[in-house]
Amino acid sequence: MIGNMWDWAIVGIVALLLFGGANKIPEFFRSFGRAAGEFKRGQMEIQKEIEKEMQAPKIEAAPAKSEPK
């Protein structure tokens, strides 16, 4: 039974060899590495934005003045 990650990885590599050829494997892992790097950059950017918002002073809106009628 295919249940853990390593079993799926082996099945995926065999499928790549059968259908894509040996030349496609480095291309696949290169694309995977780029995608992982882009994900990490996005994650760090969001984390920096959250930290920036947490450190920014809270500005409360002044109550609106009502004009006399």
Foldseek 3Di string as FASTA:
>chain_A
DDDDDVSVVVVVVVVCCVPPNPVVVVVVVVVVVVVVVVVVVVVVVVVVVVVVVVPDDDDDDDDDDDDDD
